[in-house]
């Protein structure tokens, strides 16, 4: 007898974490698996950040902190928002959480009721869809194509808006496509959305510092949407601090207050030591402290795009940010492997590559775009070359 709630039975496992688990299992069996599935920088956290954490430990900074984060950190985040994004917040508009994932969940729990609709611009990060479902709301997907660099048009977005639409969520730079919305594109989106007074926007900017266009524009900077935009950010990607688990929002004060209330009943504040480390991170200038990561990611992007473009059947654009490529692999649908099994969708192809090439990727279906797979290049150039050679060899076996 299944005694679990309908809510949890309706919740899917994170596709990225599931593939990570499967690749670990193969490694434990002695297989030489190259994992290109997780969204995690392969750099170490910079020393100046680690040193601030060590200092906090030596200072015995190990007690509970205020639920939304220590005041000094929230003030530092306000400075970061103004310095990097020209966004003006006060400390009461900032809530620090256990990762940007919790930040997004807090906002959704604060705004959504059963029956509300949430627009997701596909490809979207896997957890958006499931968090919306968990809140009792309905995800409404706006599709896009590789030919348009995976950017949704204003016209297509507006077609999906109804009197039940409460929220729109998107990321720029985007996980999984690496697409970056320009100022012009965001202004056009805002001009359309300003007509819908009850619609809020979550602008997920966690990959802000891994942007190869050198133009990051925050949606919350647009006057007409400033009071209806929640800007999500954190330190996991830009500062190689995934395991520190710190994300944060800048939001209208009534939303920040609601997130504070929810967080106070679920996790309370995030780790005190991690907060001190985050303060050091956000006060630093990325061009001085972590730009070497972006430079290396750009080299790897160029390498992997070149490698994949040489494989017959793969269609690959050039992403403008993050550390993923999102190639269209639909050419291989309906083909058969050596066991006569049919590749029907991106899930089948991703599993085929794991088992045959021993390369872990993530099926695009989890991101709302079944024609593609997500490949992370947050790994060494040696691994990129070896992995793409394996992928090519395995795909050539399909008939």
Protein backbone atom coordinates (compact mmCIF):
# COMPACT_ATOMS: atom_id res chain seq x y z
CA UNK A 1 0.00 0.00 0.00
CA UNK A 2 1.39 3.39 -1.01
CA UNK A 3 1.10 5.66 2.01
CA UNK A 4 2.94 8.61 0.49
CA UNK A 5 1.10 11.80 -0.44
CA UNK A 6 -0.21 12.45 -3.93
CA UNK A 7 2.07 15.47 -3.92
CA UNK A 8 5.24 13.41 -3.55
CA UNK A 9 4.04 10.65 -5.89
CA UNK A 10 3.50 13.31 -8.54
CA UNK A 11 7.01 14.69 -8.08
CA UNK A 12 9.72 13.57 -10.52
CA UNK A 13 13.30 12.90 -9.50
CA UNK A 14 15.72 15.60 -10.65
CA UNK A 15 16.99 14.40 -14.05
CA UNK A 16 20.44 15.88 -13.49
CA UNK A 17 20.83 14.22 -10.10
CA UNK A 18 19.39 10.96 -11.46
CA UNK A 19 21.98 10.82 -14.24
CA UNK A 20 24.70 11.62 -11.73
CA UNK A 21 23.52 8.68 -9.62
CA UNK A 22 23.47 6.33 -12.61
CA UNK A 23 26.97 7.34 -13.71
CA UNK A 24 28.26 6.80 -10.15
CA UNK A 25 26.77 3.31 -10.16
CA UNK A 26 28.57 2.47 -13.40
CA UNK A 27 31.84 3.84 -12.00
CA UNK A 28 31.40 1.60 -8.96
CA UNK A 29 31.17 -1.33 -11.40
CA UNK A 30 34.56 -0.36 -12.77
CA UNK A 31 33.36 1.46 -15.89
CA UNK A 32 35.33 4.48 -17.10
CA UNK A 33 32.50 7.01 -17.19
CA UNK A 34 33.05 10.62 -18.23
CA UNK A 35 30.38 12.67 -16.50
CA UNK A 36 29.11 15.65 -18.47
CA UNK A 37 25.81 15.76 -16.63
CA UNK A 38 26.19 17.90 -13.52
CA UNK A 39 26.02 21.69 -13.48
CA UNK A 40 29.06 22.22 -11.32
CA UNK A 41 32.27 24.18 -12.01
CA UNK A 42 35.36 21.98 -11.87
CA UNK A 43 37.37 24.76 -10.23
CA UNK A 44 38.08 25.06 -6.52
CA UNK A 45 36.61 27.83 -4.41
CA UNK A 46 39.06 30.79 -4.48
CA UNK A 47 41.42 30.98 -1.51
CA UNK A 48 40.26 34.39 -0.31
CA UNK A 49 36.75 32.98 0.14
CA UNK A 50 37.99 29.87 1.94
CA UNK A 51 40.15 32.06 4.20
CA UNK A 52 37.11 34.07 5.26
CA UNK A 53 35.35 30.83 6.22
CA UNK A 54 38.37 29.67 8.22
CA UNK A 55 38.40 33.00 10.01
CA UNK A 56 34.71 32.63 10.84
CA UNK A 57 35.35 29.17 12.29
CA UNK A 58 38.28 30.48 14.36
CA UNK A 59 36.05 33.32 15.57
CA UNK A 60 33.47 30.73 16.68
CA UNK A 61 30.86 32.16 14.37
CA UNK A 62 28.83 28.97 14.70
CA UNK A 63 25.46 29.93 16.14
CA UNK A 64 22.04 30.50 14.60
CA UNK A 65 21.79 33.63 12.51
CA UNK A 66 18.68 35.65 11.53
CA UNK A 67 16.50 33.64 9.13
CA UNK A 68 17.10 35.87 6.06
CA UNK A 69 20.85 36.00 6.68
CA UNK A 70 23.18 38.13 8.76
CA UNK A 71 22.71 41.86 8.31
CA UNK A 72 26.27 42.40 7.07
CA UNK A 73 25.77 39.85 4.30
CA UNK A 74 22.43 41.30 3.22
CA UNK A 75 23.97 44.76 3.06
CA UNK A 76 26.86 43.36 1.03
CA UNK A 77 24.40 41.75 -1.39
CA UNK A 78 22.69 45.14 -1.78
CA UNK A 79 26.08 46.61 -2.72
CA UNK A 80 26.69 43.78 -5.19
CA UNK A 81 23.28 44.30 -6.84
CA UNK A 82 23.97 48.01 -7.25
CA UNK A 83 27.57 47.57 -8.42
CA UNK A 84 26.95 44.78 -10.92
CA UNK A 85 23.31 45.27 -11.94
CA UNK A 86 22.31 48.85 -11.06
CA UNK A 87 19.53 47.34 -8.93
CA UNK A 88 18.65 49.20 -5.74
CA UNK A 89 17.53 47.13 -2.75
CA UNK A 90 17.60 47.59 1.00
CA UNK A 91 18.51 44.80 3.40
CA UNK A 92 14.82 44.01 4.08
CA UNK A 93 14.41 43.05 0.43
CA UNK A 94 17.15 40.41 0.59
CA UNK A 95 16.65 36.82 1.75
CA UNK A 96 19.62 34.45 1.83
CA UNK A 97 18.74 30.76 1.45
CA UNK A 98 20.27 27.31 1.20
CA UNK A 99 20.98 27.63 -2.51
CA UNK A 100 19.15 29.40 -5.32
CA UNK A 101 16.87 26.35 -5.61
CA UNK A 102 15.44 27.10 -2.18
CA UNK A 103 15.20 30.79 -3.09
CA UNK A 104 13.00 29.89 -6.08
CA UNK A 105 10.92 27.46 -4.01
CA UNK A 106 10.39 30.13 -1.35
CA UNK A 107 9.08 32.60 -3.94
CA UNK A 108 6.78 30.03 -5.55
CA UNK A 109 5.37 28.98 -2.18
CA UNK A 110 4.81 32.65 -1.35
CA UNK A 111 2.95 33.53 -4.55
CA UNK A 112 1.21 30.44 -5.91
CA UNK A 113 -2.15 28.89 -5.09
CA UNK A 114 -3.75 25.77 -6.48
CA UNK A 115 -4.94 26.41 -10.02
CA UNK A 116 -2.54 29.25 -10.73
CA UNK A 117 -0.53 29.01 -13.93
CA UNK A 118 3.21 29.60 -14.30
CA UNK A 119 4.86 30.28 -17.65
CA UNK A 120 8.20 28.54 -18.18
CA UNK A 121 10.38 29.47 -21.14
CA UNK A 122 11.74 26.22 -22.56
CA UNK A 123 14.33 24.99 -22.30
CA UNK A 124 14.01 25.62 -18.57
CA UNK A 125 15.95 24.40 -15.57
CA UNK A 126 14.58 21.02 -14.52
CA UNK A 127 13.52 22.06 -11.01
CA UNK A 128 11.26 24.95 -12.12
CA UNK A 129 8.64 22.52 -13.44
CA UNK A 130 8.63 20.32 -10.35
CA UNK A 131 8.64 23.21 -7.85
CA UNK A 132 5.59 24.71 -9.59
CA UNK A 133 3.81 21.34 -9.42
CA UNK A 134 4.72 20.99 -5.75
CA UNK A 135 2.99 24.32 -5.09
CA UNK A 136 -0.22 23.03 -6.69
CA UNK A 137 0.12 25.32 -9.70
CA UNK A 138 0.23 24.38 -13.38
CA UNK A 139 3.38 24.81 -15.51
CA UNK A 140 2.69 26.31 -18.94
CA UNK A 141 5.56 25.77 -21.34
CA UNK A 142 6.59 28.15 -24.13
CA UNK A 143 8.72 26.23 -26.63
CA UNK A 144 11.71 27.52 -28.57
CA UNK A 145 14.05 26.21 -31.26
CA UNK A 146 17.79 25.95 -31.73
CA UNK A 147 17.45 28.11 -34.87
CA UNK A 148 16.39 31.00 -32.58
CA UNK A 149 19.14 30.24 -30.06
CA UNK A 150 16.46 28.84 -27.75
CA UNK A 151 14.88 32.23 -27.08
CA UNK A 152 11.11 32.54 -26.78
CA UNK A 153 9.43 35.31 -28.77
CA UNK A 154 7.23 37.87 -27.05
CA UNK A 155 4.35 36.84 -29.30
CA UNK A 156 4.62 33.18 -28.26
CA UNK A 157 4.86 34.11 -24.58
CA UNK A 158 1.75 36.29 -24.73
CA UNK A 159 -0.25 33.50 -26.37
CA UNK A 160 0.22 31.46 -23.19
CA UNK A 161 -0.93 34.15 -20.75
CA UNK A 162 -4.40 33.65 -19.26
CA UNK A 163 -6.37 35.10 -16.36
CA UNK A 164 -4.82 32.33 -14.25
CA UNK A 165 -1.20 33.29 -15.00
CA UNK A 166 0.56 34.37 -11.81
CA UNK A 167 4.25 33.95 -12.56
CA UNK A 168 6.83 33.72 -15.35
CA UNK A 169 10.21 32.09 -14.70
CA UNK A 170 13.29 32.26 -16.91
CA UNK A 171 17.06 32.20 -16.59
CA UNK A 172 19.66 34.28 -18.40
CA UNK A 173 22.29 33.01 -19.03
CA UNK A 174 20.10 29.96 -19.42
CA UNK A 175 20.53 26.51 -17.98
CA UNK A 176 20.54 24.34 -20.14
CA UNK A 177 20.98 26.25 -23.42
CA UNK A 178 23.49 28.94 -22.46
CA UNK A 179 21.30 31.55 -24.17
CA UNK A 180 21.59 35.15 -22.98
CA UNK A 181 18.70 37.58 -23.40
CA UNK A 182 19.84 41.03 -24.55
CA UNK A 183 18.60 44.30 -23.08
CA UNK A 184 16.51 44.87 -26.21
CA UNK A 185 14.86 41.45 -25.92
CA UNK A 186 14.12 41.89 -22.23
CA UNK A 187 12.65 45.37 -22.75
CA UNK A 188 10.33 43.98 -25.44
CA UNK A 189 9.26 41.25 -23.02
CA UNK A 190 8.63 43.80 -20.26
CA UNK A 191 6.61 46.05 -22.58
CA UNK A 192 4.27 43.15 -23.20
CA UNK A 193 4.12 41.94 -19.58
CA UNK A 194 3.37 45.36 -18.07
CA UNK A 195 -0.22 45.00 -19.32
CA UNK A 196 -0.77 42.08 -16.95
CA UNK A 197 -0.85 43.64 -13.48
CA UNK A 198 -1.05 40.39 -11.51
CA UNK A 199 1.87 38.66 -13.19
CA UNK A 200 5.22 38.41 -11.41
CA UNK A 201 8.59 37.41 -12.88
CA UNK A 202 11.43 35.34 -11.42
CA UNK A 203 14.64 36.32 -13.19
CA UNK A 204 17.17 33.59 -12.42
CA UNK A 205 20.64 35.12 -12.88
CA UNK A 206 22.76 32.47 -11.19
CA UNK A 207 25.07 32.23 -14.25
CA UNK A 208 25.53 35.99 -14.46
CA UNK A 209 29.33 35.85 -14.21
CA UNK A 210 29.70 33.19 -16.92
CA UNK A 211 28.52 35.38 -19.77
CA UNK A 212 30.61 35.53 -22.94
CA UNK A 213 28.72 38.48 -24.46
CA UNK A 214 29.99 40.87 -21.76
CA UNK A 215 26.44 42.23 -21.55
CA UNK A 216 24.40 41.08 -18.59
CA UNK A 217 21.14 42.97 -18.17
CA UNK A 218 18.86 42.38 -15.19
CA UNK A 219 15.15 42.20 -15.90
CA UNK A 220 14.40 43.98 -12.61
CA UNK A 221 16.12 47.09 -13.95
CA UNK A 222 13.17 47.79 -16.27
CA UNK A 223 10.93 50.40 -14.60
CA UNK A 224 7.61 48.87 -15.58
CA UNK A 225 8.51 45.50 -14.01
CA UNK A 226 10.76 46.59 -11.14
CA UNK A 227 8.06 46.07 -8.50
CA UNK A 228 7.00 42.70 -9.92
CA UNK A 229 10.41 41.08 -10.44
CA UNK A 230 12.24 38.76 -8.09
CA UNK A 231 15.94 38.54 -8.96
CA UNK A 232 17.55 35.24 -7.97
CA UNK A 233 21.29 34.82 -7.70
CA UNK A 234 23.92 33.04 -5.65
CA UNK A 235 27.57 32.05 -5.48
CA UNK A 236 27.56 28.42 -6.61
CA UNK A 237 28.37 28.92 -10.31
CA UNK A 238 30.34 32.14 -10.58
CA UNK A 239 32.51 31.46 -7.52
CA UNK A 240 32.71 27.63 -7.68
CA UNK A 241 30.84 27.27 -4.38
CA UNK A 242 28.20 24.64 -5.22
CA UNK A 243 28.66 22.72 -1.97
CA UNK A 244 28.46 25.84 0.21
CA UNK A 245 24.73 26.06 -0.62
CA UNK A 246 24.04 29.78 -0.65
CA UNK A 247 21.54 31.57 -2.88
CA UNK A 248 19.65 34.80 -2.42
CA UNK A 249 16.87 36.99 -3.77
CA UNK A 250 16.32 40.69 -4.21
CA UNK A 251 12.56 41.25 -4.23
CA UNK A 252 9.70 43.60 -3.38
CA UNK A 253 9.64 43.80 0.40
CA UNK A 254 6.30 42.02 0.85
CA UNK A 255 7.63 39.02 -1.11
CA UNK A 256 10.94 38.99 0.77
CA UNK A 257 8.96 39.07 4.03
CA UNK A 258 6.85 36.11 2.90
CA UNK A 259 9.98 34.14 1.92
CA UNK A 260 11.47 34.92 5.32
CA UNK A 261 8.30 33.56 6.96
CA UNK A 262 8.35 30.32 4.94
CA UNK A 263 12.06 29.76 5.41
CA UNK A 264 11.69 30.29 9.14
CA UNK A 265 9.38 27.28 9.30
CA UNK A 266 11.43 24.99 7.03
CA UNK A 267 15.20 25.47 7.25
CA UNK A 268 15.71 28.74 9.11
CA UNK A 269 18.97 30.45 8.07
CA UNK A 270 21.62 28.81 5.94
CA UNK A 271 25.02 27.86 7.40
CA UNK A 272 26.66 30.69 9.36
CA UNK A 273 30.15 29.89 8.07
CA UNK A 274 28.94 29.80 4.46
CA UNK A 275 27.35 33.21 4.97
CA UNK A 276 30.69 34.72 5.95
CA UNK A 277 32.32 33.12 2.91
CA UNK A 278 29.55 34.47 0.69
CA UNK A 279 30.08 37.96 2.04
CA UNK A 280 33.70 37.82 0.86
CA UNK A 281 32.58 36.53 -2.54
CA UNK A 282 29.91 39.13 -3.29
CA UNK A 283 32.10 42.03 -2.16
CA UNK A 284 34.82 41.00 -4.62
CA UNK A 285 34.79 42.19 -8.21
CA UNK A 286 34.30 39.18 -10.52
CA UNK A 287 36.63 40.62 -13.14
CA UNK A 288 39.39 40.44 -10.51
CA UNK A 289 38.47 37.33 -8.54
CA UNK A 290 36.94 34.75 -10.89
CA UNK A 291 37.38 35.98 -14.47
CA UNK A 292 39.92 33.21 -15.10
CA UNK A 293 37.08 30.71 -14.84
CA UNK A 294 35.05 32.49 -17.52
CA UNK A 295 38.05 32.66 -19.84
CA UNK A 296 38.64 28.92 -19.46
CA UNK A 297 34.95 28.08 -19.93
CA UNK A 298 34.90 30.07 -23.18
CA UNK A 299 37.89 28.08 -24.50
CA UNK A 300 36.11 24.85 -23.62
CA UNK A 301 32.89 26.04 -25.22
CA UNK A 302 34.68 26.70 -28.48
CA UNK A 303 36.34 23.29 -28.29
CA UNK A 304 33.19 21.29 -27.61
CA UNK A 305 31.12 23.14 -30.22
CA UNK A 306 33.84 22.40 -32.78
CA UNK A 307 34.00 18.73 -31.75
CA UNK A 308 30.23 18.21 -31.82
CA UNK A 309 29.78 20.07 -35.11
CA UNK A 310 31.93 17.40 -36.78
CA UNK A 311 29.48 14.62 -35.84
CA UNK A 312 26.95 13.84 -38.55
CA UNK A 313 23.39 14.32 -37.31
CA UNK A 314 24.19 16.68 -34.43
CA UNK A 315 23.01 20.26 -34.75
CA UNK A 316 24.79 22.61 -32.35
CA UNK A 317 24.57 26.37 -31.87
CA UNK A 318 27.11 28.51 -30.01
CA UNK A 319 25.89 29.32 -26.47
CA UNK A 320 26.58 32.78 -25.06
CA UNK A 321 26.93 31.82 -21.42
CA UNK A 322 26.84 29.21 -18.62
CA UNK A 323 28.86 26.01 -19.26
CA UNK A 324 26.55 23.84 -21.33
CA UNK A 325 25.84 23.03 -24.94
CA UNK A 326 22.35 21.87 -25.88
CA UNK A 327 22.64 20.16 -29.26
CA UNK A 328 19.64 18.97 -31.27
CA UNK A 329 19.95 15.20 -31.61
CA UNK A 330 16.52 14.46 -33.14
CA UNK A 331 18.28 13.10 -36.29
CA UNK A 332 18.89 9.89 -34.33
CA UNK A 333 15.25 9.31 -33.33
CA UNK A 334 13.80 6.09 -34.76
CA UNK A 335 17.27 4.66 -35.33
CA UNK A 336 18.26 1.32 -33.76
CA UNK A 337 21.25 0.27 -31.73
CA UNK A 338 23.14 -3.02 -32.06
CA UNK A 339 20.52 -4.78 -29.89
CA UNK A 340 17.74 -3.58 -32.20
CA UNK A 341 16.41 -1.20 -29.55
CA UNK A 342 14.79 1.92 -31.02
CA UNK A 343 15.91 5.41 -29.97
CA UNK A 344 12.53 7.08 -29.52
CA UNK A 345 13.43 10.25 -27.65
CA UNK A 346 16.16 12.18 -25.82
CA UNK A 347 15.87 9.95 -22.76
CA UNK A 348 16.65 6.89 -24.89
CA UNK A 349 19.61 8.58 -26.53
CA UNK A 350 21.03 9.84 -23.26
CA UNK A 351 20.81 6.34 -21.74
CA UNK A 352 22.33 4.83 -24.88
CA UNK A 353 25.32 7.17 -24.64
CA UNK A 354 25.74 6.33 -20.96
CA UNK A 355 25.69 2.59 -21.51
CA UNK A 356 27.53 2.41 -24.85
CA UNK A 357 29.92 5.38 -24.77
CA UNK A 358 30.11 5.66 -20.98
CA UNK A 359 29.43 9.38 -21.28
CA UNK A 360 26.82 10.91 -18.96
CA UNK A 361 24.58 13.62 -20.44
CA UNK A 362 21.07 14.78 -19.52
CA UNK A 363 18.01 14.26 -21.72
CA UNK A 364 16.48 17.45 -23.05
CA UNK A 365 12.99 16.21 -22.19
CA UNK A 366 13.69 17.11 -18.56
CA UNK A 367 14.23 20.72 -19.68
CA UNK A 368 11.08 20.82 -21.81
CA UNK A 369 12.92 20.28 -25.12
CA UNK A 370 12.88 16.63 -26.17
CA UNK A 371 14.93 17.18 -29.36
CA UNK A 372 18.10 17.96 -27.40
CA UNK A 373 20.49 16.72 -24.74
CA UNK A 374 22.43 18.84 -22.26
CA UNK A 375 26.19 18.42 -22.20
CA UNK A 376 28.26 20.19 -19.57
CA UNK A 377 31.76 21.35 -20.48
CA UNK A 378 32.70 22.04 -16.86
CA UNK A 379 35.48 19.49 -17.18
CA UNK A 380 38.99 19.23 -18.60
CA UNK A 381 39.78 19.65 -22.29
CA UNK A 382 41.11 16.08 -22.21
CA UNK A 383 37.72 14.81 -21.03
CA UNK A 384 35.88 16.93 -23.62
CA UNK A 385 37.96 15.49 -26.48
CA UNK A 386 37.68 11.91 -25.22
CA UNK A 387 33.93 12.21 -24.51
CA UNK A 388 33.06 13.69 -27.89
CA UNK A 389 35.11 11.01 -29.65
CA UNK A 390 33.21 8.34 -27.73
CA UNK A 391 29.88 10.00 -28.57
CA UNK A 392 30.79 10.10 -32.26
CA UNK A 393 31.77 6.44 -32.27
CA UNK A 394 28.55 5.37 -30.51
CA UNK A 395 26.27 7.45 -32.71
CA UNK A 396 27.88 5.98 -35.83
CA UNK A 397 26.67 2.54 -34.68
CA UNK A 398 23.01 3.58 -34.89
CA UNK A 399 21.17 2.46 -37.99
